[in-house]
């Protein structure tokens, strides 16, 4: 059995190339295709709470079999992913869940992104130059990192917005050492004028904050002179939302669809959809969108991801195959 800790995973992923990202994207698409063809491969999760601690057990029974385990406590979310042999159940690997969760979510966000803003586009309107990110955690970090690798020839500035400006400054400082040709600009979340100004040439917006007060507003989006792709992953309960009603309303009124990883799961968990009474017919899943079904030919595309256990299991299994780790007898 192989053990993969956070340091081993982080070290391996630090050397990602566009080709390696495309490989992981194809693995993710394969998992989403399996789920689309047979939703029963993701059984219902088990949730158990005791005091201030909540444990979640989330199995997946695709071609890679395993379980994601997460514990939420006052100190945050921590967990692991267990992969077993699909035939006899022998343990194959145990993986630290923190980086895998952030990496697989960012990976899924980039699948519709490269369809909306093609990597080989010659249209100035569709060539991304600036990114705006709400949040400073691992999700924000990996969304920025994957996007900069994929669009290394065009993106020149990243705005990082947070309520605690010092945290945004710290992330900007850290990333600036990795990407010396990119400008990283911290933005205070309570300064609407600075946010509006930052949005003027933004093409990509990532929401990575579990909030009940939307930080991505139509009045901000309207400042941009570019085609915009928005992916929000922070809100995970019905009362949370990162995008204001006007953006969702604009998409629905134009008979366009919102991209989701799962119509069923997003319909139960995503505040952006629930609070705006978004129906299933107004949604298109990532796999179908990537295949060219219900394409959004518009100036604004919205993607809402809630996360599926099959993503963790499939990407975790791929990391076990590729990443050096500690081999132990079991």
C-alpha atoms as a PDB file:
ATOM      1  CA  UNK A   1       0.000   0.000   0.000  1.00  0.00           C
ATOM      2  CA  UNK A   2       1.249   3.514  -0.808  1.00  0.00           C
ATOM      3  CA  UNK A   3       0.961   6.495   1.526  1.00  0.00           C
ATOM      4  CA  UNK A   4       0.879  10.004   0.051  1.00  0.00           C
ATOM      5  CA  UNK A   5       1.223  12.897   2.464  1.00  0.00           C
ATOM      6  CA  UNK A   6       0.682  16.560   1.698  1.00  0.00           C
ATOM      7  CA  UNK A   7       4.404  17.259   1.187  1.00  0.00           C
ATOM      8  CA  UNK A   8       4.791  14.475  -1.385  1.00  0.00           C
ATOM      9  CA  UNK A   9       1.687  15.583  -3.304  1.00  0.00           C
ATOM     10  CA  UNK A  10       2.630  19.257  -3.196  1.00  0.00           C
ATOM     11  CA  UNK A  11       6.158  18.481  -4.392  1.00  0.00           C
ATOM     12  CA  UNK A  12       4.840  16.448  -7.322  1.00  0.00           C
ATOM     13  CA  UNK A  13       2.215  19.002  -8.357  1.00  0.00           C
ATOM     14  CA  UNK A  14       4.744  21.840  -8.204  1.00  0.00           C
ATOM     15  CA  UNK A  15       6.121  20.564 -11.510  1.00  0.00           C
ATOM     16  CA  UNK A  16       2.852  20.533 -13.408  1.00  0.00           C
ATOM     17  CA  UNK A  17       2.960  21.311 -17.120  1.00  0.00           C
ATOM     18  CA  UNK A  18       0.064  22.118 -19.459  1.00  0.00           C
ATOM     19  CA  UNK A  19       0.273  18.584 -20.874  1.00  0.00           C
ATOM     20  CA  UNK A  20       0.108  17.031 -17.409  1.00  0.00           C
ATOM     21  CA  UNK A  21      -2.914  19.222 -16.553  1.00  0.00           C
ATOM     22  CA  UNK A  22      -4.624  18.095 -19.766  1.00  0.00           C
ATOM     23  CA  UNK A  23      -3.947  14.511 -18.695  1.00  0.00           C
ATOM     24  CA  UNK A  24      -5.582  15.086 -15.320  1.00  0.00           C
ATOM     25  CA  UNK A  25      -8.500  16.854 -17.046  1.00  0.00           C
ATOM     26  CA  UNK A  26      -9.074  13.772 -19.207  1.00  0.00           C
ATOM     27  CA  UNK A  27      -9.032  11.570 -16.102  1.00  0.00           C
ATOM     28  CA  UNK A  28     -11.608  13.876 -14.492  1.00  0.00           C
ATOM     29  CA  UNK A  29     -13.796  13.812 -17.607  1.00  0.00           C
ATOM     30  CA  UNK A  30     -13.665  10.012 -17.566  1.00  0.00           C
ATOM     31  CA  UNK A  31     -14.918  10.027 -13.982  1.00  0.00           C
ATOM     32  CA  UNK A  32     -17.726  12.456 -14.782  1.00  0.00           C
ATOM     33  CA  UNK A  33     -18.713  10.289 -17.750  1.00  0.00           C
ATOM     34  CA  UNK A  34     -18.939   7.234 -15.468  1.00  0.00           C
ATOM     35  CA  UNK A  35     -21.131   9.164 -13.042  1.00  0.00           C
ATOM     36  CA  UNK A  36     -23.372  10.448 -15.841  1.00  0.00           C
ATOM     37  CA  UNK A  37     -23.916   6.918 -17.148  1.00  0.00           C
ATOM     38  CA  UNK A  38     -24.557   5.468 -13.687  1.00  0.00           C
ATOM     39  CA  UNK A  39     -25.250   7.944 -10.832  1.00  0.00           C
ATOM     40  CA  UNK A  40     -25.537   5.027  -8.378  1.00  0.00           C
ATOM     41  CA  UNK A  41     -21.735   4.747  -8.294  1.00  0.00           C
ATOM     42  CA  UNK A  42     -21.853   7.644  -5.820  1.00  0.00           C
ATOM     43  CA  UNK A  43     -23.887   6.271  -2.877  1.00  0.00           C
ATOM     44  CA  UNK A  44     -25.363   8.696  -0.316  1.00  0.00           C
ATOM     45  CA  UNK A  45     -22.839  10.154   2.092  1.00  0.00           C
ATOM     46  CA  UNK A  46     -22.916   9.399   5.809  1.00  0.00           C
ATOM     47  CA  UNK A  47     -22.773  12.398   8.162  1.00  0.00           C
ATOM     48  CA  UNK A  48     -22.256  12.060  11.912  1.00  0.00           C
ATOM     49  CA  UNK A  49     -21.826  14.908  14.411  1.00  0.00           C
ATOM     50  CA  UNK A  50     -20.539  14.928  17.948  1.00  0.00           C
ATOM     51  CA  UNK A  51     -20.109  18.191  19.792  1.00  0.00           C
ATOM     52  CA  UNK A  52     -18.414  20.727  17.505  1.00  0.00           C
ATOM     53  CA  UNK A  53     -17.083  18.031  15.205  1.00  0.00           C
ATOM     54  CA  UNK A  54     -18.771  16.610  12.100  1.00  0.00           C
ATOM     55  CA  UNK A  55     -17.540  13.543  10.223  1.00  0.00           C
ATOM     56  CA  UNK A  56     -18.436  12.862   6.579  1.00  0.00           C
ATOM     57  CA  UNK A  57     -17.932   9.527   4.826  1.00  0.00           C
ATOM     58  CA  UNK A  58     -18.285   9.729   1.034  1.00  0.00           C
ATOM     59  CA  UNK A  59     -17.821   6.538  -1.034  1.00  0.00           C
ATOM     60  CA  UNK A  60     -17.351   6.142  -4.773  1.00  0.00           C
ATOM     61  CA  UNK A  61     -17.777   2.908  -6.747  1.00  0.00           C
ATOM     62  CA  UNK A  62     -16.487   3.781 -10.214  1.00  0.00           C
ATOM     63  CA  UNK A  63     -13.581   2.074 -11.949  1.00  0.00           C
ATOM     64  CA  UNK A  64     -11.540   3.349  -8.997  1.00  0.00           C
ATOM     65  CA  UNK A  65     -13.143   2.444  -5.672  1.00  0.00           C
ATOM     66  CA  UNK A  66     -12.659   4.205  -2.387  1.00  0.00           C
ATOM     67  CA  UNK A  67     -13.913   6.634   0.199  1.00  0.00           C
ATOM     68  CA  UNK A  68     -13.260  10.241   1.050  1.00  0.00           C
ATOM     69  CA  UNK A  69     -13.335  10.998   4.764  1.00  0.00           C
ATOM     70  CA  UNK A  70     -13.622  14.563   6.058  1.00  0.00           C
ATOM     71  CA  UNK A  71     -13.843  15.957   9.560  1.00  0.00           C
ATOM     72  CA  UNK A  72     -15.029  19.503  10.114  1.00  0.00           C
ATOM     73  CA  UNK A  73     -14.143  21.131  13.428  1.00  0.00           C
ATOM     74  CA  UNK A  74     -13.411  24.602  14.825  1.00  0.00           C
ATOM     75  CA  UNK A  75      -9.907  24.222  13.369  1.00  0.00           C
ATOM     76  CA  UNK A  76     -11.238  23.699   9.828  1.00  0.00           C
ATOM     77  CA  UNK A  77     -11.648  20.724   7.512  1.00  0.00           C
ATOM     78  CA  UNK A  78      -9.197  17.827   7.397  1.00  0.00           C
ATOM     79  CA  UNK A  79      -9.402  14.339   5.984  1.00  0.00           C
ATOM     80  CA  UNK A  80      -8.058  11.592   3.803  1.00  0.00           C
ATOM     81  CA  UNK A  81      -8.914   9.544   0.725  1.00  0.00           C
ATOM     82  CA  UNK A  82      -8.710   5.748   0.824  1.00  0.00           C
ATOM     83  CA  UNK A  83      -8.390   3.761  -2.417  1.00  0.00           C
ATOM     84  CA  UNK A  84      -9.045   0.013  -2.436  1.00  0.00           C
ATOM     85  CA  UNK A  85      -8.863  -2.767  -5.007  1.00  0.00           C
ATOM     86  CA  UNK A  86     -12.254  -2.889  -6.804  1.00  0.00           C
ATOM     87  CA  UNK A  87     -12.221  -6.714  -6.852  1.00  0.00           C
ATOM     88  CA  UNK A  88     -11.045  -7.901  -3.445  1.00  0.00           C
ATOM     89  CA  UNK A  89     -10.991  -4.693  -1.392  1.00  0.00           C
ATOM     90  CA  UNK A  90      -7.274  -4.795  -0.613  1.00  0.00           C
ATOM     91  CA  UNK A  91      -6.005  -1.306   0.324  1.00  0.00           C
ATOM     92  CA  UNK A  92      -4.091   0.370  -2.513  1.00  0.00           C
ATOM     93  CA  UNK A  93      -3.344   3.749  -1.019  1.00  0.00           C
ATOM     94  CA  UNK A  94      -4.122   6.393   1.585  1.00  0.00           C
ATOM     95  CA  UNK A  95      -3.837  10.044   0.583  1.00  0.00           C
ATOM     96  CA  UNK A  96      -3.910  13.281   2.562  1.00  0.00           C
ATOM     97  CA  UNK A  97      -7.177  14.883   1.498  1.00  0.00           C
ATOM     98  CA  UNK A  98      -6.450  18.608   1.813  1.00  0.00           C
ATOM     99  CA  UNK A  99      -4.430  19.241  -1.346  1.00  0.00           C
ATOM    100  CA  UNK A 100      -6.325  16.639  -3.379  1.00  0.00           C
ATOM    101  CA  UNK A 101      -9.661  18.357  -2.666  1.00  0.00           C
ATOM    102  CA  UNK A 102      -8.366  21.773  -3.691  1.00  0.00           C
ATOM    103  CA  UNK A 103      -6.516  20.426  -6.728  1.00  0.00           C
ATOM    104  CA  UNK A 104      -9.394  18.338  -8.098  1.00  0.00           C
ATOM    105  CA  UNK A 105     -11.848  21.242  -7.677  1.00  0.00           C
ATOM    106  CA  UNK A 106      -9.572  23.671  -9.496  1.00  0.00           C
ATOM    107  CA  UNK A 107      -9.018  21.012 -12.152  1.00  0.00           C
ATOM    108  CA  UNK A 108     -12.763  20.677 -12.695  1.00  0.00           C
ATOM    109  CA  UNK A 109     -13.127  24.474 -12.929  1.00  0.00           C
ATOM    110  CA  UNK A 110     -10.567  24.587 -15.734  1.00  0.00           C
ATOM    111  CA  UNK A 111     -12.404  22.051 -17.911  1.00  0.00           C
ATOM    112  CA  UNK A 112     -15.218  24.433 -18.970  1.00  0.00           C
ATOM    113  CA  UNK A 113     -12.741  27.318 -18.823  1.00  0.00           C
ATOM    114  CA  UNK A 114     -10.663  26.054 -21.755  1.00  0.00           C
ATOM    115  CA  UNK A 115     -13.857  25.650 -23.810  1.00  0.00           C
ATOM    116  CA  UNK A 116     -15.096  29.170 -23.056  1.00  0.00           C
ATOM    117  CA  UNK A 117     -11.665  30.790 -23.454  1.00  0.00           C
ATOM    118  CA  UNK A 118      -9.752  28.510 -25.869  1.00  0.00           C
ATOM    119  CA  UNK A 119      -6.027  28.233 -25.252  1.00  0.00           C
ATOM    120  CA  UNK A 120      -5.302  28.901 -28.928  1.00  0.00           C
ATOM    121  CA  UNK A 121      -7.750  31.779 -29.389  1.00  0.00           C
ATOM    122  CA  UNK A 122      -6.716  34.632 -31.672  1.00  0.00           C
ATOM    123  CA  UNK A 123      -9.734  36.761 -30.721  1.00  0.00           C
ATOM    124  CA  UNK A 124      -8.611  39.547 -28.380  1.00  0.00           C
ATOM    125  CA  UNK A 125     -12.027  39.489 -26.692  1.00  0.00           C
ATOM    126  CA  UNK A 126     -11.468  35.859 -25.656  1.00  0.00           C
ATOM    127  CA  UNK A 127      -7.792  36.005 -24.672  1.00  0.00           C
ATOM    128  CA  UNK A 128      -7.574  36.193 -20.866  1.00  0.00           C
ATOM    129  CA  UNK A 129      -5.134  38.697 -19.408  1.00  0.00           C
ATOM    130  CA  UNK A 130      -6.398  39.201 -15.872  1.00  0.00           C
ATOM    131  CA  UNK A 131      -7.889  36.994 -13.137  1.00  0.00           C
ATOM    132  CA  UNK A 132      -9.944  38.092 -10.123  1.00  0.00           C
ATOM    133  CA  UNK A 133     -10.105  35.722  -7.158  1.00  0.00           C
ATOM    134  CA  UNK A 134     -12.181  35.939  -3.979  1.00  0.00           C
ATOM    135  CA  UNK A 135     -10.429  34.004  -1.221  1.00  0.00           C
ATOM    136  CA  UNK A 136      -6.927  33.156  -0.058  1.00  0.00           C
ATOM    137  CA  UNK A 137      -7.088  29.460   0.902  1.00  0.00           C
ATOM    138  CA  UNK A 138      -5.925  26.303  -0.841  1.00  0.00           C
ATOM    139  CA  UNK A 139      -8.808  26.449  -3.334  1.00  0.00           C
ATOM    140  CA  UNK A 140      -7.851  29.958  -4.410  1.00  0.00           C
ATOM    141  CA  UNK A 141      -4.189  28.979  -4.647  1.00  0.00           C
ATOM    142  CA  UNK A 142      -4.782  25.976  -6.909  1.00  0.00           C
ATOM    143  CA  UNK A 143      -7.293  27.787  -9.117  1.00  0.00           C
ATOM    144  CA  UNK A 144      -4.707  30.509  -9.699  1.00  0.00           C
ATOM    145  CA  UNK A 145      -1.839  28.074 -10.198  1.00  0.00           C
ATOM    146  CA  UNK A 146      -3.562  25.849 -12.778  1.00  0.00           C
ATOM    147  CA  UNK A 147      -4.867  28.845 -14.709  1.00  0.00           C
ATOM    148  CA  UNK A 148      -1.448  30.518 -14.859  1.00  0.00           C
ATOM    149  CA  UNK A 149       0.137  27.311 -16.142  1.00  0.00           C
ATOM    150  CA  UNK A 150      -2.495  26.883 -18.846  1.00  0.00           C
ATOM    151  CA  UNK A 151      -2.484  30.547 -19.945  1.00  0.00           C
ATOM    152  CA  UNK A 152       1.182  31.302 -19.307  1.00  0.00           C
ATOM    153  CA  UNK A 153       1.481  33.304 -22.524  1.00  0.00           C
ATOM    154  CA  UNK A 154      -1.384  35.696 -21.908  1.00  0.00           C
ATOM    155  CA  UNK A 155      -2.251  36.324 -18.240  1.00  0.00           C
ATOM    156  CA  UNK A 156      -0.280  39.213 -16.787  1.00  0.00           C
ATOM    157  CA  UNK A 157      -2.151  40.151 -13.582  1.00  0.00           C
ATOM    158  CA  UNK A 158      -4.029  38.430 -10.774  1.00  0.00           C
ATOM    159  CA  UNK A 159      -6.218  40.294  -8.290  1.00  0.00           C
ATOM    160  CA  UNK A 160      -6.688  38.552  -4.939  1.00  0.00           C
ATOM    161  CA  UNK A 161      -9.563  39.876  -2.830  1.00  0.00           C
ATOM    162  CA  UNK A 162     -10.130  39.136   0.850  1.00  0.00           C
ATOM    163  CA  UNK A 163     -11.726  40.661   3.938  1.00  0.00           C
ATOM    164  CA  UNK A 164      -8.362  40.448   5.716  1.00  0.00           C
ATOM    165  CA  UNK A 165      -6.087  42.331   3.362  1.00  0.00           C
ATOM    166  CA  UNK A 166      -2.899  41.037   5.013  1.00  0.00           C
ATOM    167  CA  UNK A 167      -3.831  37.491   3.967  1.00  0.00           C
ATOM    168  CA  UNK A 168      -4.335  38.608   0.370  1.00  0.00           C
ATOM    169  CA  UNK A 169      -0.969  40.364   0.506  1.00  0.00           C
ATOM    170  CA  UNK A 170       0.697  37.229   1.857  1.00  0.00           C
ATOM    171  CA  UNK A 171      -0.708  35.052  -0.959  1.00  0.00           C
ATOM    172  CA  UNK A 172       0.313  37.649  -3.550  1.00  0.00           C
ATOM    173  CA  UNK A 173       3.829  37.685  -2.122  1.00  0.00           C
ATOM    174  CA  UNK A 174       4.059  33.881  -2.168  1.00  0.00           C
ATOM    175  CA  UNK A 175       2.825  33.550  -5.749  1.00  0.00           C
ATOM    176  CA  UNK A 176       5.001  36.394  -7.026  1.00  0.00           C
ATOM    177  CA  UNK A 177       8.093  34.280  -6.340  1.00  0.00           C
ATOM    178  CA  UNK A 178       6.701  31.470  -8.485  1.00  0.00           C
ATOM    179  CA  UNK A 179       5.466  33.645 -11.364  1.00  0.00           C
ATOM    180  CA  UNK A 180       7.831  36.581 -11.716  1.00  0.00           C
ATOM    181  CA  UNK A 181       6.279  37.857 -14.967  1.00  0.00           C
ATOM    182  CA  UNK A 182       2.794  38.134 -13.424  1.00  0.00           C
ATOM    183  CA  UNK A 183       1.644  41.065 -11.291  1.00  0.00           C
ATOM    184  CA  UNK A 184      -0.248  40.079  -8.138  1.00  0.00           C
ATOM    185  CA  UNK A 185      -2.479  42.748  -6.632  1.00  0.00           C
ATOM    186  CA  UNK A 186      -4.236  42.446  -3.244  1.00  0.00           C
ATOM    187  CA  UNK A 187      -7.709  44.008  -3.062  1.00  0.00           C
ATOM    188  CA  UNK A 188      -9.707  44.701   0.140  1.00  0.00           C
ATOM    189  CA  UNK A 189     -13.170  43.120   0.011  1.00  0.00           C
ATOM    190  CA  UNK A 190     -14.820  46.251   1.454  1.00  0.00           C
ATOM    191  CA  UNK A 191     -13.447  48.623  -1.194  1.00  0.00           C
ATOM    192  CA  UNK A 192     -15.994  48.513  -4.019  1.00  0.00           C
ATOM    193  CA  UNK A 193     -14.230  51.223  -6.020  1.00  0.00           C
ATOM    194  CA  UNK A 194     -10.972  49.234  -6.099  1.00  0.00           C
ATOM    195  CA  UNK A 195     -12.877  46.089  -7.046  1.00  0.00           C
ATOM    196  CA  UNK A 196     -14.712  47.836  -9.893  1.00  0.00           C
ATOM    197  CA  UNK A 197     -11.447  49.218 -11.205  1.00  0.00           C
ATOM    198  CA  UNK A 198      -9.810  45.781 -11.048  1.00  0.00           C
ATOM    199  CA  UNK A 199     -12.609  44.200 -13.096  1.00  0.00           C
ATOM    200  CA  UNK A 200     -12.019  46.407 -16.163  1.00  0.00           C
ATOM    201  CA  UNK A 201     -10.034  43.809 -18.113  1.00  0.00           C
ATOM    202  CA  UNK A 202     -10.852  40.671 -16.113  1.00  0.00           C
ATOM    203  CA  UNK A 203     -11.670  37.508 -18.077  1.00  0.00           C
ATOM    204  CA  UNK A 204     -11.682  34.888 -15.308  1.00  0.00           C
ATOM    205  CA  UNK A 205     -13.373  35.162 -11.900  1.00  0.00           C
ATOM    206  CA  UNK A 206     -13.032  32.546  -9.161  1.00  0.00           C
ATOM    207  CA  UNK A 207     -15.139  32.486  -6.019  1.00  0.00           C
ATOM    208  CA  UNK A 208     -13.540  30.449  -3.226  1.00  0.00           C
ATOM    209  CA  UNK A 209     -15.305  31.803  -0.136  1.00  0.00           C
ATOM    210  CA  UNK A 210     -18.061  30.163   1.979  1.00  0.00           C
ATOM    211  CA  UNK A 211     -20.182  33.280   2.311  1.00  0.00           C
ATOM    212  CA  UNK A 212     -23.795  34.387   2.621  1.00  0.00           C
ATOM    213  CA  UNK A 213     -22.970  37.827   1.196  1.00  0.00           C
ATOM    214  CA  UNK A 214     -22.195  37.642  -2.543  1.00  0.00           C
ATOM    215  CA  UNK A 215     -18.856  39.114  -3.524  1.00  0.00           C
ATOM    216  CA  UNK A 216     -19.290  38.691  -7.287  1.00  0.00           C
ATOM    217  CA  UNK A 217     -21.745  41.361  -8.405  1.00  0.00           C
ATOM    218  CA  UNK A 218     -23.242  42.246 -11.772  1.00  0.00           C
ATOM    219  CA  UNK A 219     -22.054  45.840 -11.383  1.00  0.00           C
ATOM    220  CA  UNK A 220     -18.486  44.516 -11.151  1.00  0.00           C
ATOM    221  CA  UNK A 221     -18.856  42.147 -14.097  1.00  0.00           C
ATOM    222  CA  UNK A 222     -20.241  44.987 -16.212  1.00  0.00           C
ATOM    223  CA  UNK A 223     -16.932  46.853 -15.861  1.00  0.00           C
ATOM    224  CA  UNK A 224     -15.072  44.287 -17.952  1.00  0.00           C
ATOM    225  CA  UNK A 225     -14.544  44.661 -21.681  1.00  0.00           C
ATOM    226  CA  UNK A 226     -13.713  40.951 -22.020  1.00  0.00           C
ATOM    227  CA  UNK A 227     -15.577  37.670 -22.316  1.00  0.00           C
ATOM    228  CA  UNK A 228     -15.926  36.408 -18.734  1.00  0.00           C
ATOM    229  CA  UNK A 229     -15.845  32.950 -17.191  1.00  0.00           C
ATOM    230  CA  UNK A 230     -16.973  32.695 -13.556  1.00  0.00           C
ATOM    231  CA  UNK A 231     -16.466  29.573 -11.445  1.00  0.00           C
ATOM    232  CA  UNK A 232     -17.668  29.531  -7.839  1.00  0.00           C
ATOM    233  CA  UNK A 233     -16.833  26.700  -5.458  1.00  0.00           C
ATOM    234  CA  UNK A 234     -16.875  28.234  -1.972  1.00  0.00           C
ATOM    235  CA  UNK A 235     -20.543  28.083  -0.972  1.00  0.00           C
ATOM    236  CA  UNK A 236     -21.589  24.556  -0.024  1.00  0.00           C
ATOM    237  CA  UNK A 237     -24.921  25.049   1.768  1.00  0.00           C
ATOM    238  CA  UNK A 238     -28.292  26.375   0.533  1.00  0.00           C
ATOM    239  CA  UNK A 239     -28.037  29.607   2.547  1.00  0.00           C
ATOM    240  CA  UNK A 240     -24.642  30.474   1.045  1.00  0.00           C
ATOM    241  CA  UNK A 241     -24.006  32.235  -2.251  1.00  0.00           C
ATOM    242  CA  UNK A 242     -21.022  33.913  -3.915  1.00  0.00           C
ATOM    243  CA  UNK A 243     -22.836  35.358  -6.938  1.00  0.00           C
ATOM    244  CA  UNK A 244     -25.587  37.955  -6.797  1.00  0.00           C
ATOM    245  CA  UNK A 245     -29.081  37.400  -8.164  1.00  0.00           C
ATOM    246  CA  UNK A 246     -28.581  39.780 -11.082  1.00  0.00           C
ATOM    247  CA  UNK A 247     -25.874  37.613 -12.657  1.00  0.00           C
ATOM    248  CA  UNK A 248     -27.953  34.438 -12.329  1.00  0.00           C
ATOM    249  CA  UNK A 249     -31.046  36.285 -13.576  1.00  0.00           C
ATOM    250  CA  UNK A 250     -29.186  37.630 -16.601  1.00  0.00           C
ATOM    251  CA  UNK A 251     -28.097  34.121 -17.593  1.00  0.00           C
ATOM    252  CA  UNK A 252     -31.586  32.654 -17.211  1.00  0.00           C
ATOM    253  CA  UNK A 253     -33.287  35.525 -19.013  1.00  0.00           C
ATOM    254  CA  UNK A 254     -30.958  34.987 -21.957  1.00  0.00           C
ATOM    255  CA  UNK A 255     -31.940  31.285 -22.088  1.00  0.00           C
ATOM    256  CA  UNK A 256     -28.405  30.232 -21.275  1.00  0.00           C
ATOM    257  CA  UNK A 257     -27.414  27.474 -18.877  1.00  0.00           C
ATOM    258  CA  UNK A 258     -25.351  27.345 -15.714  1.00  0.00           C
ATOM    259  CA  UNK A 259     -22.585  24.725 -15.692  1.00  0.00           C
ATOM    260  CA  UNK A 260     -22.547  22.271 -12.763  1.00  0.00           C
ATOM    261  CA  UNK A 261     -20.656  19.113 -11.893  1.00  0.00           C
ATOM    262  CA  UNK A 262     -23.903  17.320 -10.996  1.00  0.00           C
ATOM    263  CA  UNK A 263     -27.450  18.544 -11.568  1.00  0.00           C
ATOM    264  CA  UNK A 264     -28.710  16.454  -8.663  1.00  0.00           C
ATOM    265  CA  UNK A 265     -26.068  17.397  -6.094  1.00  0.00           C
ATOM    266  CA  UNK A 266     -25.895  21.063  -7.081  1.00  0.00           C
ATOM    267  CA  UNK A 267     -29.673  21.268  -6.941  1.00  0.00           C
ATOM    268  CA  UNK A 268     -29.602  20.193  -3.288  1.00  0.00           C
ATOM    269  CA  UNK A 269     -26.521  22.090  -2.100  1.00  0.00           C
ATOM    270  CA  UNK A 270     -25.831  25.220  -4.164  1.00  0.00           C
ATOM    271  CA  UNK A 271     -27.290  28.418  -2.752  1.00  0.00           C
ATOM    272  CA  UNK A 272     -26.706  30.174  -6.072  1.00  0.00           C
ATOM    273  CA  UNK A 273     -29.246  27.798  -7.635  1.00  0.00           C
ATOM    274  CA  UNK A 274     -31.641  27.238  -4.739  1.00  0.00           C
ATOM    275  CA  UNK A 275     -32.067  30.909  -3.819  1.00  0.00           C
ATOM    276  CA  UNK A 276     -32.787  31.821  -7.442  1.00  0.00           C
ATOM    277  CA  UNK A 277     -35.172  28.911  -8.122  1.00  0.00           C
ATOM    278  CA  UNK A 278     -32.944  27.607 -10.906  1.00  0.00           C
ATOM    279  CA  UNK A 279     -34.516  24.521 -12.494  1.00  0.00           C
ATOM    280  CA  UNK A 280     -32.730  21.421 -13.750  1.00  0.00           C
ATOM    281  CA  UNK A 281     -33.476  22.382 -17.342  1.00  0.00           C
ATOM    282  CA  UNK A 282     -31.398  25.534 -16.762  1.00  0.00           C
ATOM    283  CA  UNK A 283     -28.309  23.458 -15.953  1.00  0.00           C
ATOM    284  CA  UNK A 284     -25.702  21.645 -18.013  1.00  0.00           C
ATOM    285  CA  UNK A 285     -23.152  19.276 -16.509  1.00  0.00           C
ATOM    286  CA  UNK A 286     -19.415  19.782 -17.023  1.00  0.00           C
ATOM    287  CA  UNK A 287     -19.042  16.612 -19.076  1.00  0.00           C
ATOM    288  CA  UNK A 288     -21.845  17.549 -21.499  1.00  0.00           C
ATOM    289  CA  UNK A 289     -20.630  21.136 -21.773  1.00  0.00           C
ATOM    290  CA  UNK A 290     -17.136  19.983 -22.656  1.00  0.00           C
ATOM    291  CA  UNK A 291     -18.572  17.672 -25.321  1.00  0.00           C
ATOM    292  CA  UNK A 292     -20.201  20.706 -26.934  1.00  0.00           C
ATOM    293  CA  UNK A 293     -23.756  20.258 -25.665  1.00  0.00           C
ATOM    294  CA  UNK A 294     -25.626  23.396 -24.558  1.00  0.00           C
ATOM    295  CA  UNK A 295     -22.602  25.580 -25.205  1.00  0.00           C
ATOM    296  CA  UNK A 296     -22.828  29.085 -23.769  1.00  0.00           C
ATOM    297  CA  UNK A 297     -22.005  31.464 -26.583  1.00  0.00           C
ATOM    298  CA  UNK A 298     -22.267  34.617 -24.512  1.00  0.00           C
ATOM    299  CA  UNK A 299     -20.219  37.243 -22.744  1.00  0.00           C
ATOM    300  CA  UNK A 300     -20.787  35.681 -19.276  1.00  0.00           C
ATOM    301  CA  UNK A 301     -20.509  31.994 -18.393  1.00  0.00           C
ATOM    302  CA  UNK A 302     -21.222  30.769 -14.855  1.00  0.00           C
ATOM    303  CA  UNK A 303     -19.985  27.463 -13.436  1.00  0.00           C
ATOM    304  CA  UNK A 304     -21.046  26.214  -9.987  1.00  0.00           C
ATOM    305  CA  UNK A 305     -19.245  23.206  -8.494  1.00  0.00           C
ATOM    306  CA  UNK A 306     -20.240  21.411  -5.292  1.00  0.00           C
ATOM    307  CA  UNK A 307     -17.774  18.520  -5.548  1.00  0.00           C
ATOM    308  CA  UNK A 308     -18.290  14.778  -5.942  1.00  0.00           C
ATOM    309  CA  UNK A 309     -16.520  11.942  -4.159  1.00  0.00           C
ATOM    310  CA  UNK A 310     -15.689  10.301  -7.493  1.00  0.00           C
ATOM    311  CA  UNK A 311     -13.470  13.306  -8.252  1.00  0.00           C
ATOM    312  CA  UNK A 312     -11.372  12.694  -5.146  1.00  0.00           C
ATOM    313  CA  UNK A 313     -11.198   8.942  -5.667  1.00  0.00           C
ATOM    314  CA  UNK A 314     -10.302   9.147  -9.362  1.00  0.00           C
ATOM    315  CA  UNK A 315      -7.729  11.931  -9.038  1.00  0.00           C
ATOM    316  CA  UNK A 316      -6.405  10.308  -5.861  1.00  0.00           C
ATOM    317  CA  UNK A 317      -5.937   7.014  -7.702  1.00  0.00           C
ATOM    318  CA  UNK A 318      -4.133   8.825 -10.535  1.00  0.00           C
ATOM    319  CA  UNK A 319      -1.810  10.505  -8.043  1.00  0.00           C
ATOM    320  CA  UNK A 320      -1.052   7.100  -6.528  1.00  0.00           C
ATOM    321  CA  UNK A 321      -0.039   5.889  -9.981  1.00  0.00           C
ATOM    322  CA  UNK A 322       2.152   8.891 -10.773  1.00  0.00           C
ATOM    323  CA  UNK A 323       3.434  10.327  -7.518  1.00  0.00           C
ATOM    324  CA  UNK A 324       6.327   8.854  -5.496  1.00  0.00           C
ATOM    325  CA  UNK A 325       5.205   7.894  -1.997  1.00  0.00           C
ATOM    326  CA  UNK A 326       5.912   5.685   0.978  1.00  0.00           C
ATOM    327  CA  UNK A 327       5.311   1.980   0.315  1.00  0.00           C
ATOM    328  CA  UNK A 328       4.211   0.022   3.393  1.00  0.00           C
ATOM    329  CA  UNK A 329       3.287  -3.614   3.998  1.00  0.00           C
ATOM    330  CA  UNK A 330      -0.293  -4.219   5.016  1.00  0.00           C
END
